[in-house]
PDB file of N, CA and C in Angstrom:
ATOM      1  N   MET A   1       8.968   8.218  -1.512  1.00  0.00           N
ATOM      2  CA  MET A   1       9.111   7.313  -0.388  1.00  0.00           C
ATOM      3  C   MET A   1       9.028   5.882  -0.910  1.00  0.00           C
ATOM      4  N   ARG A   2       9.786   5.003  -0.292  1.00  0.00           N
ATOM      5  CA  ARG A   2       9.756   3.586  -0.669  1.00  0.00           C
ATOM      6  C   ARG A   2       8.368   2.991  -0.421  1.00  0.00           C
ATOM      7  N   LEU A   3       7.989   2.077  -1.275  1.00  0.00           N
ATOM      8  CA  LEU A   3       6.683   1.423  -1.166  1.00  0.00           C
ATOM      9  C   LEU A   3       6.498   0.741   0.184  1.00  0.00           C
ATOM     10  N   ASP A   4       7.484  -0.052   0.612  1.00  0.00           N
ATOM     11  CA  ASP A   4       7.322  -0.774   1.883  1.00  0.00           C
ATOM     12  C   ASP A   4       7.171   0.182   3.060  1.00  0.00           C
ATOM     13  N   LYS A   5       7.894   1.298   3.031  1.00  0.00           N
ATOM     14  CA  LYS A   5       7.778   2.274   4.123  1.00  0.00           C
ATOM     15  C   LYS A   5       6.419   2.966   4.103  1.00  0.00           C
ATOM     16  N   PHE A   6       5.927   3.316   2.906  1.00  0.00           N
ATOM     17  CA  PHE A   6       4.608   3.948   2.823  1.00  0.00           C
ATOM     18  C   PHE A   6       3.526   3.021   3.378  1.00  0.00           C
ATOM     19  N   LEU A   7       3.572   1.750   3.012  1.00  0.00           N
ATOM     20  CA  LEU A   7       2.564   0.797   3.478  1.00  0.00           C
ATOM     21  C   LEU A   7       2.574   0.694   5.006  1.00  0.00           C
ATOM     22  N   LYS A   8       3.763   0.779   5.600  1.00  0.00           N
ATOM     23  CA  LYS A   8       3.856   0.714   7.059  1.00  0.00           C
ATOM     24  C   LYS A   8       3.390   2.024   7.700  1.00  0.00           C
ATOM     25  N   VAL A   9       3.886   3.162   7.219  1.00  0.00           N
ATOM     26  CA  VAL A   9       3.536   4.462   7.806  1.00  0.00           C
ATOM     27  C   VAL A   9       2.029   4.714   7.704  1.00  0.00           C
ATOM     28  N   SER A  10       1.424   4.305   6.584  1.00  0.00           N
ATOM     29  CA  SER A  10      -0.011   4.508   6.388  1.00  0.00           C
ATOM     30  C   SER A  10      -0.840   3.462   7.138  1.00  0.00           C
ATOM     31  N   ARG A  11      -0.152   2.482   7.695  1.00  0.00           N
ATOM     32  CA  ARG A  11      -0.779   1.381   8.438  1.00  0.00           C
ATOM     33  C   ARG A  11      -1.680   0.511   7.569  1.00  0.00           C
ATOM     34  N   LEU A  12      -1.448   0.511   6.271  1.00  0.00           N
ATOM     35  CA  LEU A  12      -2.146  -0.437   5.402  1.00  0.00           C
ATOM     36  C   LEU A  12      -1.625  -1.838   5.719  1.00  0.00           C
ATOM     37  N   ILE A  13      -0.325  -1.904   6.056  1.00  0.00           N
ATOM     38  CA  ILE A  13       0.302  -3.148   6.500  1.00  0.00           C
ATOM     39  C   ILE A  13       1.072  -2.806   7.766  1.00  0.00           C
ATOM     40  N   LYS A  14       0.928  -3.653   8.773  1.00  0.00           N
ATOM     41  CA  LYS A  14       1.452  -3.309  10.100  1.00  0.00           C
ATOM     42  C   LYS A  14       2.984  -3.290  10.198  1.00  0.00           C
ATOM     43  N   ARG A  15       3.657  -4.180   9.464  1.00  0.00           N
ATOM     44  CA  ARG A  15       5.117  -4.236   9.590  1.00  0.00           C
ATOM     45  C   ARG A  15       5.785  -4.100   8.230  1.00  0.00           C
ATOM     46  N   ARG A  16       6.905  -3.398   8.211  1.00  0.00           N
ATOM     47  CA  ARG A  16       7.620  -3.149   6.953  1.00  0.00           C
ATOM     48  C   ARG A  16       8.122  -4.452   6.335  1.00  0.00           C
ATOM     49  N   THR A  17       8.530  -5.401   7.168  1.00  0.00           N
ATOM     50  CA  THR A  17       9.009  -6.677   6.618  1.00  0.00           C
ATOM     51  C   THR A  17       7.886  -7.411   5.887  1.00  0.00           C
ATOM     52  N   VAL A  18       6.675  -7.333   6.414  1.00  0.00           N
ATOM     53  CA  VAL A  18       5.522  -7.966   5.758  1.00  0.00           C
ATOM     54  C   VAL A  18       5.230  -7.243   4.443  1.00  0.00           C
ATOM     55  N   ALA A  19       5.313  -5.917   4.449  1.00  0.00           N
ATOM     56  CA  ALA A  19       5.094  -5.129   3.234  1.00  0.00           C
ATOM     57  C   ALA A  19       6.121  -5.517   2.167  1.00  0.00           C
ATOM     58  N   LYS A  20       7.363  -5.699   2.582  1.00  0.00           N
ATOM     59  CA  LYS A  20       8.429  -6.079   1.655  1.00  0.00           C
ATOM     60  C   LYS A  20       8.147  -7.455   1.064  1.00  0.00           C
ATOM     61  N   GLU A  21       7.733  -8.401   1.898  1.00  0.00           N
ATOM     62  CA  GLU A  21       7.430  -9.751   1.414  1.00  0.00           C
ATOM     63  C   GLU A  21       6.290  -9.731   0.393  1.00  0.00           C
ATOM     64  N   LEU A  22       5.215  -8.986   0.689  1.00  0.00           N
ATOM     65  CA  LEU A  22       4.087  -8.903  -0.246  1.00  0.00           C
ATOM     66  C   LEU A  22       4.537  -8.333  -1.587  1.00  0.00           C
ATOM     67  N   ALA A  23       5.328  -7.267  -1.547  1.00  0.00           N
ATOM     68  CA  ALA A  23       5.808  -6.637  -2.780  1.00  0.00           C
ATOM     69  C   ALA A  23       6.698  -7.607  -3.557  1.00  0.00           C
ATOM     70  N   ASP A  24       7.591  -8.284  -2.870  1.00  0.00           N
ATOM     71  CA  ASP A  24       8.507  -9.203  -3.541  1.00  0.00           C
ATOM     72  C   ASP A  24       7.779 -10.414  -4.123  1.00  0.00           C
ATOM     73  N   GLN A  25       6.597 -10.716  -3.603  1.00  0.00           N
ATOM     74  CA  GLN A  25       5.783 -11.818  -4.135  1.00  0.00           C
ATOM     75  C   GLN A  25       4.901 -11.352  -5.304  1.00  0.00           C
ATOM     76  N   GLY A  26       5.000 -10.073  -5.665  1.00  0.00           N
ATOM     77  CA  GLY A  26       4.216  -9.550  -6.776  1.00  0.00           C
ATOM     78  C   GLY A  26       2.769  -9.278  -6.419  1.00  0.00           C
ATOM     79  N   ARG A  27       2.483  -9.078  -5.127  1.00  0.00           N
ATOM     80  CA  ARG A  27       1.103  -8.867  -4.683  1.00  0.00           C
ATOM     81  C   ARG A  27       0.761  -7.400  -4.457  1.00  0.00           C
ATOM     82  N   VAL A  28       1.692  -6.501  -4.820  1.00  0.00           N
ATOM     83  CA  VAL A  28       1.439  -5.060  -4.716  1.00  0.00           C
ATOM     84  C   VAL A  28       1.736  -4.427  -6.073  1.00  0.00           C
ATOM     85  N   MET A  29       0.808  -3.595  -6.540  1.00  0.00           N
ATOM     86  CA  MET A  29       0.992  -2.927  -7.819  1.00  0.00           C
ATOM     87  C   MET A  29       0.871  -1.415  -7.642  1.00  0.00           C
ATOM     88  N   ILE A  30       1.671  -0.688  -8.400  1.00  0.00           N
ATOM     89  CA  ILE A  30       1.584   0.771  -8.428  1.00  0.00           C
ATOM     90  C   ILE A  30       1.153   1.146  -9.841  1.00  0.00           C
ATOM     91  N   ASN A  31       0.002   1.821  -9.948  1.00  0.00           N
ATOM     92  CA  ASN A  31      -0.526   2.246 -11.250  1.00  0.00           C
ATOM     93  C   ASN A  31      -0.570   1.098 -12.258  1.00  0.00           C
ATOM     94  N   GLY A  32      -0.980  -0.085 -11.790  1.00  0.00           N
ATOM     95  CA  GLY A  32      -1.159  -1.218 -12.685  1.00  0.00           C
ATOM     96  C   GLY A  32       0.081  -2.037 -12.979  1.00  0.00           C
ATOM     97  N   ARG A  33       1.218  -1.672 -12.390  1.00  0.00           N
ATOM     98  CA  ARG A  33       2.459  -2.419 -12.612  1.00  0.00           C
ATOM     99  C   ARG A  33       2.931  -3.052 -11.311  1.00  0.00           C
ATOM    100  N   ALA A  34       3.378  -4.295 -11.390  1.00  0.00           N
ATOM    101  CA  ALA A  34       3.933  -4.969 -10.209  1.00  0.00           C
ATOM    102  C   ALA A  34       5.099  -4.133  -9.695  1.00  0.00           C
ATOM    103  N   ALA A  35       5.164  -3.977  -8.373  1.00  0.00           N
ATOM    104  CA  ALA A  35       6.192  -3.108  -7.792  1.00  0.00           C
ATOM    105  C   ALA A  35       6.982  -3.830  -6.713  1.00  0.00           C
ATOM    106  N   LYS A  36       8.264  -3.588  -6.686  1.00  0.00           N
ATOM    107  CA  LYS A  36       9.129  -4.130  -5.635  1.00  0.00           C
ATOM    108  C   LYS A  36       9.072  -3.198  -4.424  1.00  0.00           C
ATOM    109  N   ALA A  37       9.573  -3.688  -3.296  1.00  0.00           N
ATOM    110  CA  ALA A  37       9.522  -2.942  -2.035  1.00  0.00           C
ATOM    111  C   ALA A  37      10.209  -1.584  -2.128  1.00  0.00           C
ATOM    112  N   GLY A  38      11.245  -1.470  -2.951  1.00  0.00           N
ATOM    113  CA  GLY A  38      12.004  -0.223  -3.056  1.00  0.00           C
ATOM    114  C   GLY A  38      11.448   0.765  -4.062  1.00  0.00           C
ATOM    115  N   ALA A  39      10.341   0.424  -4.719  1.00  0.00           N
ATOM    116  CA  ALA A  39       9.751   1.325  -5.713  1.00  0.00           C
ATOM    117  C   ALA A  39       9.291   2.615  -5.046  1.00  0.00           C
ATOM    118  N   GLU A  40       9.412   3.719  -5.777  1.00  0.00           N
ATOM    119  CA  GLU A  40       9.012   5.016  -5.230  1.00  0.00           C
ATOM    120  C   GLU A  40       7.500   5.218  -5.337  1.00  0.00           C
ATOM    121  N   VAL A  41       6.899   5.680  -4.246  1.00  0.00           N
ATOM    122  CA  VAL A  41       5.471   5.998  -4.212  1.00  0.00           C
ATOM    123  C   VAL A  41       5.351   7.517  -4.210  1.00  0.00           C
ATOM    124  N   GLN A  42       4.433   8.042  -5.054  1.00  0.00           N
ATOM    125  CA  GLN A  42       4.226   9.478  -5.119  1.00  0.00           C
ATOM    126  C   GLN A  42       2.752   9.795  -4.931  1.00  0.00           C
ATOM    127  N   ILE A  43       2.464  11.027  -4.542  1.00  0.00           N
ATOM    128  CA  ILE A  43       1.075  11.457  -4.377  1.00  0.00           C
ATOM    129  C   ILE A  43       0.353  11.296  -5.713  1.00  0.00           C
ATOM    130  N   GLY A  44      -0.830  10.702  -5.651  1.00  0.00           N
ATOM    131  CA  GLY A  44      -1.615  10.475  -6.860  1.00  0.00           C
ATOM    132  C   GLY A  44      -1.509   9.052  -7.389  1.00  0.00           C
ATOM    133  N   ASP A  45      -0.507   8.294  -6.935  1.00  0.00           N
ATOM    134  CA  ASP A  45      -0.364   6.903  -7.372  1.00  0.00           C
ATOM    135  C   ASP A  45      -1.518   6.063  -6.864  1.00  0.00           C
ATOM    136  N   GLU A  46      -1.894   5.040  -7.641  1.00  0.00           N
ATOM    137  CA  GLU A  46      -2.899   4.081  -7.196  1.00  0.00           C
ATOM    138  C   GLU A  46      -2.193   2.777  -6.855  1.00  0.00           C
ATOM    139  N   LEU A  47      -2.445   2.292  -5.667  1.00  0.00           N
ATOM    140  CA  LEU A  47      -1.852   1.036  -5.215  1.00  0.00           C
ATOM    141  C   LEU A  47      -2.920  -0.039  -5.179  1.00  0.00           C
ATOM    142  N   ALA A  48      -2.587  -1.219  -5.650  1.00  0.00           N
ATOM    143  CA  ALA A  48      -3.476  -2.377  -5.553  1.00  0.00           C
ATOM    144  C   ALA A  48      -2.736  -3.424  -4.736  1.00  0.00           C
ATOM    145  N   ILE A  49      -3.357  -3.858  -3.649  1.00  0.00           N
ATOM    146  CA  ILE A  49      -2.722  -4.804  -2.742  1.00  0.00           C
ATOM    147  C   ILE A  49      -3.594  -6.052  -2.649  1.00  0.00           C
ATOM    148  N   ARG A  50      -2.977  -7.207  -2.854  1.00  0.00           N
ATOM    149  CA  ARG A  50      -3.703  -8.470  -2.737  1.00  0.00           C
ATOM    150  C   ARG A  50      -3.320  -9.121  -1.416  1.00  0.00           C
ATOM    151  N   PHE A  51      -4.254  -9.048  -0.458  1.00  0.00           N
ATOM    152  CA  PHE A  51      -4.053  -9.697   0.834  1.00  0.00           C
ATOM    153  C   PHE A  51      -4.529 -11.135   0.700  1.00  0.00           C
ATOM    154  N   GLY A  52      -4.590 -11.863   1.774  1.00  0.00           N
ATOM    155  CA  GLY A  52      -5.044 -13.249   1.738  1.00  0.00           C
ATOM    156  C   GLY A  52      -6.359 -13.448   1.021  1.00  0.00           C
ATOM    157  N   GLN A  53      -7.427 -12.843   1.490  1.00  0.00           N
ATOM    158  CA  GLN A  53      -8.750 -13.080   0.922  1.00  0.00           C
ATOM    159  C   GLN A  53      -9.397 -11.829   0.339  1.00  0.00           C
ATOM    160  N   ARG A  54      -8.625 -10.761   0.145  1.00  0.00           N
ATOM    161  CA  ARG A  54      -9.245  -9.552  -0.392  1.00  0.00           C
ATOM    162  C   ARG A  54      -8.274  -8.745  -1.235  1.00  0.00           C
ATOM    163  N   HIS A  55      -8.848  -7.929  -2.084  1.00  0.00           N
ATOM    164  CA  HIS A  55      -8.139  -7.021  -2.967  1.00  0.00           C
ATOM    165  C   HIS A  55      -8.435  -5.602  -2.503  1.00  0.00           C
ATOM    166  N   LEU A  56      -7.430  -4.789  -2.304  1.00  0.00           N
ATOM    167  CA  LEU A  56      -7.633  -3.420  -1.844  1.00  0.00           C
ATOM    168  C   LEU A  56      -6.969  -2.466  -2.826  1.00  0.00           C
ATOM    169  N   LYS A  57      -7.721  -1.455  -3.270  1.00  0.00           N
ATOM    170  CA  LYS A  57      -7.160  -0.411  -4.130  1.00  0.00           C
ATOM    171  C   LYS A  57      -7.247   0.907  -3.387  1.00  0.00           C
ATOM    172  N   VAL A  58      -6.129   1.614  -3.330  1.00  0.00           N
ATOM    173  CA  VAL A  58      -6.106   2.917  -2.661  1.00  0.00           C
ATOM    174  C   VAL A  58      -5.376   3.928  -3.533  1.00  0.00           C
ATOM    175  N   LYS A  59      -5.680   5.203  -3.301  1.00  0.00           N
ATOM    176  CA  LYS A  59      -4.984   6.301  -3.973  1.00  0.00           C
ATOM    177  C   LYS A  59      -4.156   7.028  -2.927  1.00  0.00           C
ATOM    178  N   VAL A  60      -2.899   7.289  -3.229  1.00  0.00           N
ATOM    179  CA  VAL A  60      -1.999   7.980  -2.304  1.00  0.00           C
ATOM    180  C   VAL A  60      -2.384   9.461  -2.271  1.00  0.00           C
ATOM    181  N   MET A  61      -2.760   9.954  -1.102  1.00  0.00           N
ATOM    182  CA  MET A  61      -3.186  11.343  -0.957  1.00  0.00           C
ATOM    183  C   MET A  61      -2.098  12.230  -0.352  1.00  0.00           C
ATOM    184  N   ASP A  62      -1.213  11.634   0.445  1.00  0.00           N
ATOM    185  CA  ASP A  62      -0.171  12.396   1.129  1.00  0.00           C
ATOM    186  C   ASP A  62       0.959  11.445   1.477  1.00  0.00           C
ATOM    187  N   ILE A  63       2.144  11.993   1.645  1.00  0.00           N
ATOM    188  CA  ILE A  63       3.303  11.187   2.041  1.00  0.00           C
ATOM    189  C   ILE A  63       3.959  11.871   3.227  1.00  0.00           C
ATOM    190  N   GLN A  64       4.149  11.117   4.298  1.00  0.00           N
ATOM    191  CA  GLN A  64       4.811  11.634   5.500  1.00  0.00           C
ATOM    192  C   GLN A  64       5.815  10.600   5.988  1.00  0.00           C
ATOM    193  N   GLU A  65       6.892  11.080   6.573  1.00  0.00           N
ATOM    194  CA  GLU A  65       7.910  10.170   7.098  1.00  0.00           C
ATOM    195  C   GLU A  65       7.376   9.359   8.277  1.00  0.00           C
ATOM    196  N   ALA A  66       6.487   9.972   9.033  1.00  0.00           N
ATOM    197  CA  ALA A  66       5.880   9.286  10.170  1.00  0.00           C
ATOM    198  C   ALA A  66       4.471   9.842  10.338  1.00  0.00           C
ATOM    199  N   ALA A  67       3.577   8.985  10.802  1.00  0.00           N
ATOM    200  CA  ALA A  67       2.197   9.435  11.009  1.00  0.00           C
ATOM    201  C   ALA A  67       1.649   8.767  12.255  1.00  0.00           C
ATOM    202  N   LYS A  68       0.939   9.553  13.041  1.00  0.00           N
ATOM    203  CA  LYS A  68       0.279   8.980  14.215  1.00  0.00           C
ATOM    204  C   LYS A  68      -0.865   8.096  13.744  1.00  0.00           C
ATOM    205  N   LYS A  69      -1.282   7.206  14.614  1.00  0.00           N
ATOM    206  CA  LYS A  69      -2.350   6.269  14.263  1.00  0.00           C
ATOM    207  C   LYS A  69      -3.585   6.999  13.743  1.00  0.00           C
ATOM    208  N   GLU A  70      -3.951   8.108  14.380  1.00  0.00           N
ATOM    209  CA  GLU A  70      -5.149   8.859  13.996  1.00  0.00           C
ATOM    210  C   GLU A  70      -4.996   9.516  12.625  1.00  0.00           C
ATOM    211  N   GLU A  71      -3.746   9.808  12.224  1.00  0.00           N
ATOM    212  CA  GLU A  71      -3.497  10.507  10.957  1.00  0.00           C
ATOM    213  C   GLU A  71      -3.265   9.553   9.794  1.00  0.00           C
ATOM    214  N   ALA A  72      -2.956   8.305  10.076  1.00  0.00           N
ATOM    215  CA  ALA A  72      -2.527   7.357   9.042  1.00  0.00           C
ATOM    216  C   ALA A  72      -3.543   7.222   7.917  1.00  0.00           C
ATOM    217  N   HIS A  73      -4.826   7.178   8.252  1.00  0.00           N
ATOM    218  CA  HIS A  73      -5.848   6.985   7.214  1.00  0.00           C
ATOM    219  C   HIS A  73      -5.944   8.165   6.246  1.00  0.00           C
ATOM    220  N   SER A  74      -5.416   9.331   6.639  1.00  0.00           N
ATOM    221  CA  SER A  74      -5.481  10.496   5.745  1.00  0.00           C
ATOM    222  C   SER A  74      -4.413  10.439   4.648  1.00  0.00           C
ATOM    223  N   LEU A  75      -3.506   9.471   4.718  1.00  0.00           N
ATOM    224  CA  LEU A  75      -2.453   9.354   3.710  1.00  0.00           C
ATOM    225  C   LEU A  75      -2.957   8.683   2.433  1.00  0.00           C
ATOM    226  N   TYR A  76      -4.121   8.050   2.516  1.00  0.00           N
ATOM    227  CA  TYR A  76      -4.663   7.362   1.337  1.00  0.00           C
ATOM    228  C   TYR A  76      -6.181   7.434   1.327  1.00  0.00           C
ATOM    229  N   GLU A  77      -6.750   7.168   0.155  1.00  0.00           N
ATOM    230  CA  GLU A  77      -8.200   7.107  -0.006  1.00  0.00           C
ATOM    231  C   GLU A  77      -8.521   5.731  -0.582  1.00  0.00           C
ATOM    232  N   VAL A  78      -9.428   5.010   0.045  1.00  0.00           N
ATOM    233  CA  VAL A  78      -9.791   3.681  -0.448  1.00  0.00           C
ATOM    234  C   VAL A  78     -10.667   3.833  -1.693  1.00  0.00           C
ATOM    235  N   LEU A  79     -10.232   3.230  -2.787  1.00  0.00           N
ATOM    236  CA  LEU A  79     -10.995   3.279  -4.037  1.00  0.00           C
ATOM    237  C   LEU A  79     -11.934   2.080  -4.144  1.00  0.00           C
ATOM    238  N   SER A  80     -11.444   0.910  -3.737  1.00  0.00           N
ATOM    239  CA  SER A  80     -12.284  -0.282  -3.742  1.00  0.00           C
ATOM    240  C   SER A  80     -11.686  -1.338  -2.825  1.00  0.00           C
ATOM    241  N   GLU A  81     -12.562  -2.178  -2.330  1.00  0.00           N
ATOM    242  CA  GLU A  81     -12.145  -3.298  -1.488  1.00  0.00           C
ATOM    243  C   GLU A  81     -13.094  -4.436  -1.796  1.00  0.00           C
ATOM    244  N   GLU A  82     -12.558  -5.533  -2.294  1.00  0.00           N
ATOM    245  CA  GLU A  82     -13.406  -6.645  -2.671  1.00  0.00           C
ATOM    246  C   GLU A  82     -12.798  -7.969  -2.245  1.00  0.00           C
ATOM    247  N   PRO A  83     -13.657  -8.921  -1.877  1.00  0.00           N
ATOM    248  CA  PRO A  83     -13.154 -10.247  -1.533  1.00  0.00           C
ATOM    249  C   PRO A  83     -12.670 -10.963  -2.794  1.00  0.00           C
ATOM    250  N   ILE A  84     -11.718 -11.842  -2.610  1.00  0.00           N
ATOM    251  CA  ILE A  84     -11.212 -12.637  -3.732  1.00  0.00           C
ATOM    252  C   ILE A  84     -11.996 -13.944  -3.739  1.00  0.00           C
ATOM    253  N   ASN A  85     -12.636 -14.228  -4.850  1.00  0.00           N
ATOM    254  CA  ASN A  85     -13.397 -15.474  -4.983  1.00  0.00           C
ATOM    255  C   ASN A  85     -12.506 -16.553  -5.556  1.00  0.00           C
ATOM    256  N   HIS A  86     -12.443 -17.666  -4.846  1.00  0.00           N
ATOM    257  CA  HIS A  86     -11.592 -18.782  -5.325  1.00  0.00           C
ATOM    258  C   HIS A  86     -12.413 -19.763  -6.102  1.00  0.00           C
TER     259      HIS A  86
END
């Protein structure tokens, strides 16, 4: 599944266009490598996302074309979440 679609379906990012922008800005990494919006995400991959004031690392646990709000959190496992110190 495309990275931008996974981020939206898992509700890590609310809109696919925002997910695409973050990826294109180099703020999303898959297994330690900067990833573009069209990069393929697979089960077991580790994603690192740099939001405005925080860093989030998650592990992909499942991939679904669509997920209800209640199911979205089961698609990933949070490995770490830390504030970014400026």
